[in-house]
Amino acid sequence: MKEIKEVSINYATEKTNEVLVNAIAQAYADGYRDGYKDREADIPVDLLSSQTEFVDLGLPSGTLWSGDFLKVNDKREYLPFSKAESLCIPTEEQWNELLDICKWEFDIDRSYDLCEARCVGPSGNSLRFERTGKQNINSHSETWEVFFWIKDTKEGFEKNAVHMYNGGKKLQSKNAKTEIESFFSGYKLPVRLVKKNS
């Protein structure tokens, strides 16, 4: 007959292995689920840059602008400022350069709403800014206007964004307005990315 000590050691070893295997399996499953949730909540900057098509407009600063608003799974992404600021969004200077250097055209529909803004750079390449609206307390509003975040380091909960709209009840594109306005940072606006020409 085996000694009780040997039997207890074997029993303990067997049970310990079983507990460790279950604990490790549970930790793996929990980590996998948490990582998946994090991936859904955050968009890695380096992944975005490699998947985004940038347009060289021939700007003096060498800034390249993304050819479209940020999309995930072919759907335009709306982000609060706290998430947008971690991405390569344009500065006010980069936006002003785009305004000053490029030739702009605006499409106004029969309801006097801005449909689209287009700019052509010195290189002959162009960008389109389709109307986007923004997501606020009422979910989606002012869908006949263009919005997107720009860099803003000032304190407080109001952050700068580009706002384009038709400023008059006329079909003429000269009434289109492009302004930098402050919006509550918790509202969700679209994002346009920029990078330097390398």
N, C-alpha and C. Protein backbone atom coordinates (compact mmCIF):
# COMPACT_ATOMS: atom_id res chain seq x y z
N MET A 1 0.84 -1.18 0.00
CA MET A 1 0.00 0.00 0.00
C MET A 1 0.89 1.25 0.00
N LYS A 2 0.50 2.21 -0.88
CA LYS A 2 1.29 3.43 -0.99
C LYS A 2 1.17 4.22 0.30
N GLU A 3 2.21 4.96 0.58
CA GLU A 3 2.17 5.81 1.77
C GLU A 3 1.25 7.01 1.52
N ILE A 4 0.62 7.42 2.57
CA ILE A 4 -0.34 8.53 2.49
C ILE A 4 0.32 9.80 1.98
N LYS A 5 1.58 10.02 2.30
CA LYS A 5 2.29 11.23 1.86
C LYS A 5 2.43 11.25 0.34
N GLU A 6 2.78 10.12 -0.25
CA GLU A 6 2.95 10.03 -1.70
C GLU A 6 1.63 10.25 -2.43
N VAL A 7 0.58 9.64 -1.89
CA VAL A 7 -0.76 9.79 -2.48
C VAL A 7 -1.22 11.25 -2.41
N SER A 8 -0.99 11.89 -1.28
CA SER A 8 -1.41 13.30 -1.14
C SER A 8 -0.63 14.22 -2.06
N ILE A 9 0.66 13.94 -2.25
CA ILE A 9 1.47 14.76 -3.18
C ILE A 9 0.95 14.62 -4.59
N ASN A 10 0.68 13.41 -5.02
CA ASN A 10 0.14 13.19 -6.36
C ASN A 10 -1.21 13.89 -6.54
N TYR A 11 -2.06 13.78 -5.52
CA TYR A 11 -3.37 14.43 -5.57
C TYR A 11 -3.22 15.95 -5.67
N ALA A 12 -2.34 16.49 -4.84
CA ALA A 12 -2.13 17.95 -4.84
C ALA A 12 -1.57 18.42 -6.18
N THR A 13 -0.65 17.69 -6.75
CA THR A 13 -0.05 18.04 -8.04
C THR A 13 -1.11 18.06 -9.13
N GLU A 14 -1.94 17.03 -9.12
CA GLU A 14 -3.00 16.92 -10.12
C GLU A 14 -3.99 18.08 -10.01
N LYS A 15 -4.42 18.38 -8.80
CA LYS A 15 -5.38 19.46 -8.58
C LYS A 15 -4.76 20.83 -8.88
N THR A 16 -3.49 21.02 -8.51
CA THR A 16 -2.81 22.28 -8.77
C THR A 16 -2.70 22.53 -10.27
N ASN A 17 -2.34 21.52 -11.02
CA ASN A 17 -2.25 21.66 -12.48
C ASN A 17 -3.60 22.03 -13.08
N GLU A 18 -4.65 21.40 -12.58
CA GLU A 18 -5.99 21.67 -13.07
C GLU A 18 -6.39 23.12 -12.78
N VAL A 19 -6.12 23.59 -11.57
CA VAL A 19 -6.44 24.97 -11.19
C VAL A 19 -5.64 25.96 -12.03
N LEU A 20 -4.35 25.70 -12.22
CA LEU A 20 -3.50 26.59 -13.02
C LEU A 20 -3.96 26.64 -14.47
N VAL A 21 -4.28 25.49 -15.04
CA VAL A 21 -4.75 25.45 -16.43
C VAL A 21 -6.02 26.27 -16.57
N ASN A 22 -6.97 26.11 -15.66
CA ASN A 22 -8.23 26.86 -15.72
C ASN A 22 -8.00 28.37 -15.53
N ALA A 23 -7.11 28.73 -14.61
CA ALA A 23 -6.82 30.16 -14.35
C ALA A 23 -6.17 30.80 -15.57
N ILE A 24 -5.23 30.10 -16.17
CA ILE A 24 -4.55 30.65 -17.35
C ILE A 24 -5.53 30.77 -18.52
N ALA A 25 -6.37 29.76 -18.71
CA ALA A 25 -7.36 29.80 -19.79
C ALA A 25 -8.32 30.97 -19.59
N GLN A 26 -8.77 31.20 -18.36
CA GLN A 26 -9.69 32.30 -18.07
C GLN A 26 -9.01 33.65 -18.29
N ALA A 27 -7.75 33.77 -17.87
CA ALA A 27 -7.00 35.02 -18.06
C ALA A 27 -6.83 35.32 -19.55
N TYR A 28 -6.57 34.30 -20.35
CA TYR A 28 -6.43 34.48 -21.79
C TYR A 28 -7.75 34.97 -22.39
N ALA A 29 -8.85 34.32 -22.02
CA ALA A 29 -10.16 34.70 -22.56
C ALA A 29 -10.53 36.12 -22.15
N ASP A 30 -10.29 36.49 -20.88
CA ASP A 30 -10.59 37.84 -20.42
C ASP A 30 -9.75 38.88 -21.15
N GLY A 31 -8.47 38.59 -21.32
CA GLY A 31 -7.58 39.51 -22.03
C GLY A 31 -7.98 39.68 -23.48
N TYR A 32 -8.38 38.60 -24.10
CA TYR A 32 -8.80 38.67 -25.50
C TYR A 32 -10.04 39.56 -25.63
N ARG A 33 -11.03 39.36 -24.74
CA ARG A 33 -12.25 40.18 -24.79
C ARG A 33 -11.94 41.65 -24.52
N ASP A 34 -11.10 41.92 -23.53
CA ASP A 34 -10.75 43.31 -23.21
C ASP A 34 -10.00 43.97 -24.37
N GLY A 35 -9.10 43.24 -24.99
CA GLY A 35 -8.36 43.77 -26.14
C GLY A 35 -9.28 44.07 -27.31
N TYR A 36 -10.25 43.22 -27.53
CA TYR A 36 -11.21 43.44 -28.60
C TYR A 36 -12.04 44.69 -28.34
N LYS A 37 -12.46 44.86 -27.08
CA LYS A 37 -13.23 46.06 -26.73
C LYS A 37 -12.40 47.31 -26.92
N ASP A 38 -11.12 47.26 -26.50
CA ASP A 38 -10.23 48.41 -26.68
C ASP A 38 -10.06 48.73 -28.15
N ARG A 39 -9.95 47.73 -28.98
CA ARG A 39 -9.77 47.94 -30.42
C ARG A 39 -10.99 48.62 -31.01
N GLU A 40 -12.17 48.21 -30.55
CA GLU A 40 -13.38 48.85 -31.05
C GLU A 40 -13.47 50.31 -30.61
N ALA A 41 -12.97 50.60 -29.40
CA ALA A 41 -13.08 51.95 -28.85
C ALA A 41 -12.02 52.89 -29.39
N ASP A 42 -10.84 52.38 -29.67
CA ASP A 42 -9.72 53.23 -30.10
C ASP A 42 -9.19 52.78 -31.45
N ILE A 43 -8.80 53.75 -32.25
CA ILE A 43 -8.25 53.47 -33.56
C ILE A 43 -6.77 53.78 -33.53
N PRO A 44 -5.89 52.79 -33.71
CA PRO A 44 -4.45 53.05 -33.65
C PRO A 44 -4.01 54.04 -34.73
N VAL A 45 -3.23 55.03 -34.32
CA VAL A 45 -2.78 56.09 -35.23
C VAL A 45 -1.96 55.52 -36.38
N ASP A 46 -1.03 54.60 -36.09
CA ASP A 46 -0.18 54.08 -37.16
C ASP A 46 -0.98 53.26 -38.17
N LEU A 47 -2.01 52.57 -37.71
CA LEU A 47 -2.87 51.81 -38.62
C LEU A 47 -3.65 52.76 -39.52
N LEU A 48 -4.14 53.86 -38.96
CA LEU A 48 -4.89 54.83 -39.75
C LEU A 48 -4.02 55.42 -40.85
N SER A 49 -2.80 55.80 -40.50
CA SER A 49 -1.92 56.44 -41.48
C SER A 49 -1.63 55.51 -42.64
N SER A 50 -1.46 54.22 -42.37
CA SER A 50 -1.12 53.30 -43.44
C SER A 50 -2.33 52.99 -44.31
N GLN A 51 -3.55 53.18 -43.80
CA GLN A 51 -4.75 52.88 -44.57
C GLN A 51 -5.37 54.11 -45.20
N THR A 52 -4.84 55.28 -44.93
CA THR A 52 -5.42 56.53 -45.42
C THR A 52 -4.70 56.99 -46.67
N GLU A 53 -5.47 57.39 -47.67
CA GLU A 53 -4.89 57.94 -48.89
C GLU A 53 -4.73 59.45 -48.71
N PHE A 54 -3.50 59.95 -48.89
CA PHE A 54 -3.23 61.38 -48.73
C PHE A 54 -3.03 62.02 -50.09
N VAL A 55 -3.42 63.29 -50.18
CA VAL A 55 -3.36 64.03 -51.43
C VAL A 55 -2.31 65.13 -51.31
N ASP A 56 -1.42 65.20 -52.29
CA ASP A 56 -0.41 66.27 -52.35
C ASP A 56 -0.97 67.41 -53.19
N LEU A 57 -1.35 68.49 -52.52
CA LEU A 57 -1.92 69.65 -53.19
C LEU A 57 -0.86 70.64 -53.66
N GLY A 58 0.40 70.37 -53.32
CA GLY A 58 1.47 71.29 -53.67
C GLY A 58 1.55 72.48 -52.73
N LEU A 59 1.19 72.28 -51.47
CA LEU A 59 1.21 73.36 -50.49
C LEU A 59 2.65 73.69 -50.08
N PRO A 60 2.97 74.96 -49.84
CA PRO A 60 4.33 75.34 -49.46
C PRO A 60 4.85 74.62 -48.22
N SER A 61 3.98 74.32 -47.27
CA SER A 61 4.42 73.65 -46.03
C SER A 61 4.73 72.17 -46.24
N GLY A 62 4.33 71.62 -47.39
CA GLY A 62 4.51 70.19 -47.62
C GLY A 62 3.45 69.33 -46.95
N THR A 63 2.39 69.96 -46.44
CA THR A 63 1.33 69.21 -45.77
C THR A 63 0.51 68.44 -46.80
N LEU A 64 0.27 67.17 -46.50
CA LEU A 64 -0.63 66.34 -47.29
C LEU A 64 -1.94 66.18 -46.50
N TRP A 65 -3.03 66.26 -47.20
CA TRP A 65 -4.35 66.11 -46.57
C TRP A 65 -4.95 64.78 -46.98
N SER A 66 -5.69 64.15 -46.06
CA SER A 66 -6.36 62.90 -46.40
C SER A 66 -7.42 63.17 -47.46
N GLY A 67 -7.57 62.22 -48.39
CA GLY A 67 -8.49 62.39 -49.50
C GLY A 67 -9.95 62.37 -49.08
N ASP A 68 -10.23 61.92 -47.87
CA ASP A 68 -11.62 61.85 -47.40
C ASP A 68 -11.62 61.96 -45.88
N PHE A 69 -12.80 62.08 -45.32
CA PHE A 69 -12.94 62.04 -43.86
C PHE A 69 -12.59 60.64 -43.38
N LEU A 70 -12.15 60.54 -42.14
CA LEU A 70 -11.81 59.25 -41.55
C LEU A 70 -13.02 58.33 -41.59
N LYS A 71 -12.80 57.12 -42.10
CA LYS A 71 -13.87 56.12 -42.15
C LYS A 71 -13.38 54.83 -41.53
N VAL A 72 -14.28 54.13 -40.87
CA VAL A 72 -14.03 52.80 -40.33
C VAL A 72 -15.09 51.89 -40.92
N ASN A 73 -14.64 50.82 -41.58
CA ASN A 73 -15.57 49.92 -42.28
C ASN A 73 -16.47 50.68 -43.25
N ASP A 74 -15.87 51.60 -44.00
CA ASP A 74 -16.55 52.40 -45.02
C ASP A 74 -17.64 53.32 -44.47
N LYS A 75 -17.61 53.58 -43.17
CA LYS A 75 -18.59 54.48 -42.56
C LYS A 75 -17.85 55.65 -41.91
N ARG A 76 -18.31 56.87 -42.20
CA ARG A 76 -17.66 58.05 -41.64
C ARG A 76 -17.65 57.98 -40.12
N GLU A 77 -16.48 58.25 -39.54
CA GLU A 77 -16.31 58.17 -38.09
C GLU A 77 -16.55 59.54 -37.46
N TYR A 78 -17.32 59.59 -36.38
CA TYR A 78 -17.57 60.81 -35.62
C TYR A 78 -16.95 60.61 -34.23
N LEU A 79 -16.07 61.54 -33.83
CA LEU A 79 -15.34 61.39 -32.59
C LEU A 79 -15.47 62.62 -31.70
N PRO A 80 -15.49 62.44 -30.37
CA PRO A 80 -15.36 63.60 -29.49
C PRO A 80 -13.93 64.11 -29.59
N PHE A 81 -13.71 65.35 -29.17
CA PHE A 81 -12.37 65.94 -29.33
C PHE A 81 -11.30 65.13 -28.61
N SER A 82 -11.62 64.55 -27.45
CA SER A 82 -10.62 63.81 -26.69
C SER A 82 -10.03 62.64 -27.48
N LYS A 83 -10.80 62.06 -28.38
CA LYS A 83 -10.26 60.98 -29.22
C LYS A 83 -9.63 61.55 -30.49
N ALA A 84 -10.23 62.60 -31.04
CA ALA A 84 -9.71 63.19 -32.27
C ALA A 84 -8.33 63.80 -32.07
N GLU A 85 -8.09 64.40 -30.89
CA GLU A 85 -6.81 65.11 -30.68
C GLU A 85 -5.62 64.17 -30.67
N SER A 86 -5.83 62.87 -30.44
CA SER A 86 -4.71 61.93 -30.46
C SER A 86 -4.33 61.52 -31.88
N LEU A 87 -5.14 61.92 -32.85
CA LEU A 87 -4.86 61.62 -34.26
C LEU A 87 -4.14 62.81 -34.90
N CYS A 88 -3.71 62.63 -36.11
CA CYS A 88 -2.99 63.69 -36.84
C CYS A 88 -4.00 64.59 -37.54
N ILE A 89 -4.74 65.37 -36.73
CA ILE A 89 -5.71 66.31 -37.30
C ILE A 89 -5.00 67.63 -37.60
N PRO A 90 -5.55 68.44 -38.51
CA PRO A 90 -4.85 69.66 -38.91
C PRO A 90 -4.83 70.73 -37.81
N THR A 91 -3.81 71.57 -37.90
CA THR A 91 -3.73 72.74 -37.03
C THR A 91 -4.49 73.88 -37.70
N GLU A 92 -4.70 74.94 -36.95
CA GLU A 92 -5.35 76.12 -37.53
C GLU A 92 -4.49 76.70 -38.66
N GLU A 93 -3.18 76.66 -38.49
CA GLU A 93 -2.27 77.17 -39.54
C GLU A 93 -2.39 76.34 -40.82
N GLN A 94 -2.48 75.03 -40.68
CA GLN A 94 -2.62 74.17 -41.86
C GLN A 94 -3.94 74.43 -42.56
N TRP A 95 -5.00 74.65 -41.80
CA TRP A 95 -6.29 74.96 -42.40
C TRP A 95 -6.24 76.30 -43.11
N ASN A 96 -5.64 77.31 -42.49
CA ASN A 96 -5.54 78.63 -43.13
C ASN A 96 -4.70 78.57 -44.40
N GLU A 97 -3.66 77.75 -44.40
CA GLU A 97 -2.86 77.58 -45.62
C GLU A 97 -3.72 77.01 -46.74
N LEU A 98 -4.55 76.02 -46.41
CA LEU A 98 -5.43 75.42 -47.41
C LEU A 98 -6.40 76.46 -47.97
N LEU A 99 -6.95 77.28 -47.08
CA LEU A 99 -7.86 78.34 -47.51
C LEU A 99 -7.18 79.36 -48.42
N ASP A 100 -5.98 79.76 -48.02
CA ASP A 100 -5.28 80.85 -48.72
C ASP A 100 -4.66 80.43 -50.05
N ILE A 101 -4.13 79.21 -50.12
CA ILE A 101 -3.37 78.78 -51.29
C ILE A 101 -4.24 78.15 -52.36
N CYS A 102 -5.29 77.45 -51.96
CA CYS A 102 -6.10 76.70 -52.92
C CYS A 102 -7.22 77.53 -53.52
N LYS A 103 -7.71 77.09 -54.66
CA LYS A 103 -8.87 77.67 -55.32
C LYS A 103 -10.09 76.89 -54.83
N TRP A 104 -11.10 77.61 -54.33
CA TRP A 104 -12.26 76.97 -53.71
C TRP A 104 -13.52 77.14 -54.55
N GLU A 105 -14.35 76.10 -54.54
CA GLU A 105 -15.67 76.14 -55.16
C GLU A 105 -16.65 75.49 -54.19
N PHE A 106 -17.90 75.98 -54.19
CA PHE A 106 -18.92 75.47 -53.28
C PHE A 106 -20.18 75.14 -54.07
N ASP A 107 -20.75 73.98 -53.80
CA ASP A 107 -22.02 73.60 -54.42
C ASP A 107 -23.15 73.85 -53.42
N ILE A 108 -24.12 74.66 -53.85
CA ILE A 108 -25.29 74.98 -53.04
C ILE A 108 -26.51 74.36 -53.72
N ASP A 109 -27.36 73.67 -52.97
CA ASP A 109 -28.54 73.05 -53.59
C ASP A 109 -29.72 74.03 -53.60
N ARG A 110 -30.84 73.59 -54.14
CA ARG A 110 -32.01 74.45 -54.29
C ARG A 110 -32.65 74.83 -52.96
N SER A 111 -32.29 74.13 -51.91
CA SER A 111 -32.77 74.49 -50.56
C SER A 111 -31.81 75.46 -49.89
N TYR A 112 -30.84 75.94 -50.63
CA TYR A 112 -29.81 76.87 -50.16
C TYR A 112 -28.86 76.22 -49.15
N ASP A 113 -28.76 74.92 -49.20
CA ASP A 113 -27.85 74.21 -48.30
C ASP A 113 -26.55 73.90 -49.01
N LEU A 114 -25.46 73.90 -48.24
CA LEU A 114 -24.15 73.55 -48.79
C LEU A 114 -24.10 72.04 -49.01
N CYS A 115 -23.85 71.63 -50.24
CA CYS A 115 -23.73 70.20 -50.55
C CYS A 115 -22.28 69.74 -50.42
N GLU A 116 -21.38 70.58 -50.91
CA GLU A 116 -19.99 70.16 -50.97
C GLU A 116 -19.09 71.37 -51.20
N ALA A 117 -17.90 71.30 -50.63
CA ALA A 117 -16.86 72.29 -50.91
C ALA A 117 -15.70 71.55 -51.56
N ARG A 118 -15.08 72.18 -52.54
CA ARG A 118 -13.94 71.57 -53.23
C ARG A 118 -12.81 72.58 -53.30
N CYS A 119 -11.59 72.08 -53.15
CA CYS A 119 -10.44 72.97 -53.34
C CYS A 119 -9.43 72.30 -54.24
N VAL A 120 -8.80 73.11 -55.08
CA VAL A 120 -7.76 72.64 -56.00
C VAL A 120 -6.45 73.30 -55.59
N GLY A 121 -5.41 72.50 -55.41
CA GLY A 121 -4.12 73.03 -55.00
C GLY A 121 -3.25 73.37 -56.18
N PRO A 122 -2.09 74.01 -55.94
CA PRO A 122 -1.17 74.37 -57.01
C PRO A 122 -0.70 73.18 -57.84
N SER A 123 -0.73 71.98 -57.27
CA SER A 123 -0.31 70.78 -58.01
C SER A 123 -1.36 70.31 -59.00
N GLY A 124 -2.59 70.87 -58.89
CA GLY A 124 -3.69 70.41 -59.74
C GLY A 124 -4.53 69.33 -59.07
N ASN A 125 -4.04 68.78 -57.97
CA ASN A 125 -4.82 67.80 -57.22
C ASN A 125 -5.88 68.51 -56.39
N SER A 126 -6.94 67.80 -56.06
CA SER A 126 -8.05 68.46 -55.36
C SER A 126 -8.57 67.62 -54.19
N LEU A 127 -9.32 68.28 -53.32
CA LEU A 127 -10.00 67.67 -52.19
C LEU A 127 -11.47 68.02 -52.24
N ARG A 128 -12.29 67.11 -51.72
CA ARG A 128 -13.72 67.37 -51.57
C ARG A 128 -14.06 67.31 -50.09
N PHE A 129 -14.90 68.23 -49.67
CA PHE A 129 -15.41 68.25 -48.30
C PHE A 129 -16.93 68.15 -48.39
N GLU A 130 -17.45 66.93 -48.28
CA GLU A 130 -18.90 66.74 -48.35
C GLU A 130 -19.54 67.17 -47.04
N ARG A 131 -20.80 67.54 -47.10
CA ARG A 131 -21.50 67.91 -45.87
C ARG A 131 -21.55 66.70 -44.93
N THR A 132 -21.37 66.99 -43.67
CA THR A 132 -21.20 65.91 -42.70
C THR A 132 -22.19 65.97 -41.54
N GLY A 133 -22.55 67.17 -41.13
CA GLY A 133 -23.29 67.31 -39.89
C GLY A 133 -22.39 66.99 -38.72
N LYS A 134 -22.97 67.02 -37.53
CA LYS A 134 -22.24 66.67 -36.31
C LYS A 134 -23.18 65.92 -35.40
N GLN A 135 -22.63 65.18 -34.47
CA GLN A 135 -23.46 64.44 -33.52
C GLN A 135 -23.39 65.14 -32.17
N ASN A 136 -24.55 65.63 -31.73
CA ASN A 136 -24.61 66.28 -30.42
C ASN A 136 -25.71 65.62 -29.60
N ILE A 137 -26.31 66.31 -28.69
CA ILE A 137 -27.34 65.73 -27.83
C ILE A 137 -28.50 65.18 -28.65
N ASN A 138 -28.83 65.84 -29.74
CA ASN A 138 -29.93 65.40 -30.60
C ASN A 138 -29.46 64.37 -31.62
N SER A 139 -28.32 63.79 -31.40
CA SER A 139 -27.73 62.74 -32.25
C SER A 139 -27.09 63.31 -33.50
N HIS A 140 -27.86 63.83 -34.42
CA HIS A 140 -27.28 64.34 -35.67
C HIS A 140 -27.96 65.65 -36.01
N SER A 141 -27.18 66.67 -36.32
CA SER A 141 -27.80 67.96 -36.62
C SER A 141 -27.04 68.68 -37.73
N GLU A 142 -27.70 69.64 -38.30
CA GLU A 142 -27.12 70.47 -39.35
C GLU A 142 -26.39 69.64 -40.40
N THR A 143 -27.10 68.67 -40.98
CA THR A 143 -26.46 67.77 -41.94
C THR A 143 -26.19 68.44 -43.28
N TRP A 144 -26.59 69.69 -43.44
CA TRP A 144 -26.30 70.41 -44.67
C TRP A 144 -25.01 71.23 -44.54
N GLU A 145 -24.27 71.01 -43.47
CA GLU A 145 -23.05 71.76 -43.24
C GLU A 145 -21.86 70.83 -43.06
N VAL A 146 -20.66 71.38 -43.18
CA VAL A 146 -19.42 70.61 -43.04
C VAL A 146 -18.77 70.98 -41.71
N PHE A 147 -18.36 69.96 -40.97
CA PHE A 147 -17.66 70.14 -39.71
C PHE A 147 -16.47 69.19 -39.65
N PHE A 148 -15.39 69.59 -39.01
CA PHE A 148 -14.33 68.66 -38.60
C PHE A 148 -13.42 69.35 -37.59
N TRP A 149 -12.89 68.53 -36.66
CA TRP A 149 -12.01 69.05 -35.60
C TRP A 149 -10.67 69.51 -36.15
N ILE A 150 -10.09 70.53 -35.49
CA ILE A 150 -8.69 70.90 -35.71
C ILE A 150 -8.00 70.94 -34.34
N LYS A 151 -6.68 70.96 -34.35
CA LYS A 151 -5.91 70.97 -33.10
C LYS A 151 -6.29 72.19 -32.26
N ASP A 152 -6.36 71.99 -30.96
CA ASP A 152 -6.71 73.07 -30.05
C ASP A 152 -6.12 72.75 -28.68
N THR A 153 -5.22 73.61 -28.20
CA THR A 153 -4.56 73.34 -26.91
C THR A 153 -5.08 74.22 -25.78
N LYS A 154 -6.07 75.06 -26.07
CA LYS A 154 -6.57 75.94 -25.00
C LYS A 154 -7.31 75.13 -23.94
N GLU A 155 -7.33 75.67 -22.73
CA GLU A 155 -8.02 75.01 -21.62
C GLU A 155 -9.54 75.08 -21.81
N GLY A 156 -10.24 74.19 -21.16
CA GLY A 156 -11.70 74.23 -21.17
C GLY A 156 -12.32 73.18 -22.06
N PHE A 157 -13.65 73.18 -22.10
CA PHE A 157 -14.39 72.16 -22.80
C PHE A 157 -14.87 72.60 -24.18
N GLU A 158 -14.53 73.82 -24.58
CA GLU A 158 -14.84 74.29 -25.93
C GLU A 158 -13.59 74.14 -26.77
N LYS A 159 -13.72 73.45 -27.92
CA LYS A 159 -12.57 73.20 -28.79
C LYS A 159 -12.89 73.63 -30.21
N ASN A 160 -11.85 73.99 -30.96
CA ASN A 160 -12.02 74.54 -32.31
C ASN A 160 -12.29 73.46 -33.35
N ALA A 161 -13.11 73.86 -34.30
CA ALA A 161 -13.42 73.00 -35.45
C ALA A 161 -13.67 73.89 -36.66
N VAL A 162 -13.48 73.33 -37.84
CA VAL A 162 -13.83 74.02 -39.08
C VAL A 162 -15.32 73.83 -39.30
N HIS A 163 -15.97 74.91 -39.73
CA HIS A 163 -17.40 74.89 -40.00
C HIS A 163 -17.62 75.59 -41.35
N MET A 164 -18.17 74.86 -42.32
CA MET A 164 -18.49 75.42 -43.63
C MET A 164 -20.00 75.32 -43.87
N TYR A 165 -20.58 76.41 -44.38
CA TYR A 165 -22.03 76.45 -44.59
C TYR A 165 -22.38 77.55 -45.57
N ASN A 166 -23.62 77.56 -46.02
CA ASN A 166 -24.10 78.63 -46.88
C ASN A 166 -24.60 79.76 -46.00
N GLY A 167 -24.03 80.94 -46.17
CA GLY A 167 -24.37 82.06 -45.31
C GLY A 167 -25.51 82.92 -45.78
N GLY A 168 -26.18 82.55 -46.86
CA GLY A 168 -27.29 83.38 -47.35
C GLY A 168 -28.29 82.54 -48.11
N LYS A 169 -29.46 83.09 -48.32
CA LYS A 169 -30.51 82.38 -49.05
C LYS A 169 -30.36 82.61 -50.55
N LYS A 170 -29.19 82.25 -51.07
CA LYS A 170 -28.92 82.39 -52.49
C LYS A 170 -28.21 81.13 -52.97
N LEU A 171 -28.31 80.87 -54.26
CA LEU A 171 -27.65 79.71 -54.84
C LEU A 171 -26.20 80.00 -55.20
N GLN A 172 -25.76 81.22 -54.97
CA GLN A 172 -24.40 81.58 -55.36
C GLN A 172 -23.38 81.06 -54.35
N SER A 173 -22.30 80.50 -54.87
CA SER A 173 -21.30 79.92 -53.99
C SER A 173 -20.52 80.99 -53.23
N LYS A 174 -20.61 82.26 -53.65
CA LYS A 174 -19.88 83.31 -52.93
C LYS A 174 -20.44 83.53 -51.53
N ASN A 175 -21.66 83.03 -51.26
CA ASN A 175 -22.25 83.15 -49.93
C ASN A 175 -21.77 82.07 -48.97
N ALA A 176 -21.02 81.10 -49.48
CA ALA A 176 -20.53 80.03 -48.62
C ALA A 176 -19.53 80.60 -47.62
N LYS A 177 -19.61 80.11 -46.40
CA LYS A 177 -18.75 80.59 -45.31
C LYS A 177 -17.85 79.46 -44.83
N THR A 178 -16.62 79.80 -44.52
CA THR A 178 -15.70 78.86 -43.88
C THR A 178 -15.15 79.55 -42.65
N GLU A 179 -15.45 78.99 -41.49
CA GLU A 179 -15.06 79.62 -40.23
C GLU A 179 -14.48 78.58 -39.28
N ILE A 180 -13.69 79.09 -38.35
CA ILE A 180 -13.25 78.27 -37.23
C ILE A 180 -14.13 78.67 -36.05
N GLU A 181 -14.84 77.70 -35.50
CA GLU A 181 -15.74 77.96 -34.38
C GLU A 181 -15.42 77.01 -33.24
N SER A 182 -15.83 77.39 -32.05
CA SER A 182 -15.67 76.52 -30.88
C SER A 182 -16.94 75.73 -30.65
N PHE A 183 -16.76 74.44 -30.39
CA PHE A 183 -17.86 73.54 -30.09
C PHE A 183 -17.55 72.79 -28.81
N PHE A 184 -18.59 72.33 -28.14
CA PHE A 184 -18.39 71.53 -26.94
C PHE A 184 -17.61 70.28 -27.31
N SER A 185 -16.56 69.99 -26.54
CA SER A 185 -15.63 68.91 -26.88
C SER A 185 -16.26 67.52 -26.83
N GLY A 186 -17.42 67.39 -26.18
CA GLY A 186 -18.09 66.10 -26.12
C GLY A 186 -18.93 65.80 -27.34
N TYR A 187 -19.23 66.83 -28.17
CA TYR A 187 -19.92 66.57 -29.42
C TYR A 187 -19.02 65.73 -30.31
N LYS A 188 -19.61 64.97 -31.19
CA LYS A 188 -18.83 64.12 -32.09
C LYS A 188 -18.84 64.72 -33.48
N LEU A 189 -17.63 65.03 -33.96
CA LEU A 189 -17.47 65.60 -35.29
C LEU A 189 -16.60 64.67 -36.13
N PRO A 190 -16.67 64.81 -37.45
CA PRO A 190 -15.79 64.03 -38.31
C PRO A 190 -14.34 64.48 -38.16
N VAL A 191 -13.45 63.71 -38.76
CA VAL A 191 -12.01 63.98 -38.65
C VAL A 191 -11.39 63.92 -40.03
N ARG A 192 -10.52 64.88 -40.30
CA ARG A 192 -9.69 64.88 -41.51
C ARG A 192 -8.25 64.76 -41.05
N LEU A 193 -7.46 63.89 -41.64
CA LEU A 193 -6.08 63.68 -41.22
C LEU A 193 -5.11 64.45 -42.13
N VAL A 194 -3.96 64.80 -41.57
CA VAL A 194 -2.88 65.42 -42.34
C VAL A 194 -1.56 64.75 -42.00
N LYS A 195 -0.59 64.92 -42.88
CA LYS A 195 0.78 64.49 -42.58
C LYS A 195 1.74 65.31 -43.44
N LYS A 196 2.99 65.30 -43.05
CA LYS A 196 4.01 66.03 -43.81
C LYS A 196 4.52 65.16 -44.95
N ASN A 197 4.77 65.79 -46.09
CA ASN A 197 5.32 65.10 -47.25
C ASN A 197 6.74 64.65 -46.93
N SER A 198 7.01 63.36 -47.06
CA SER A 198 8.35 62.86 -46.71
C SER A 198 9.20 62.60 -47.93
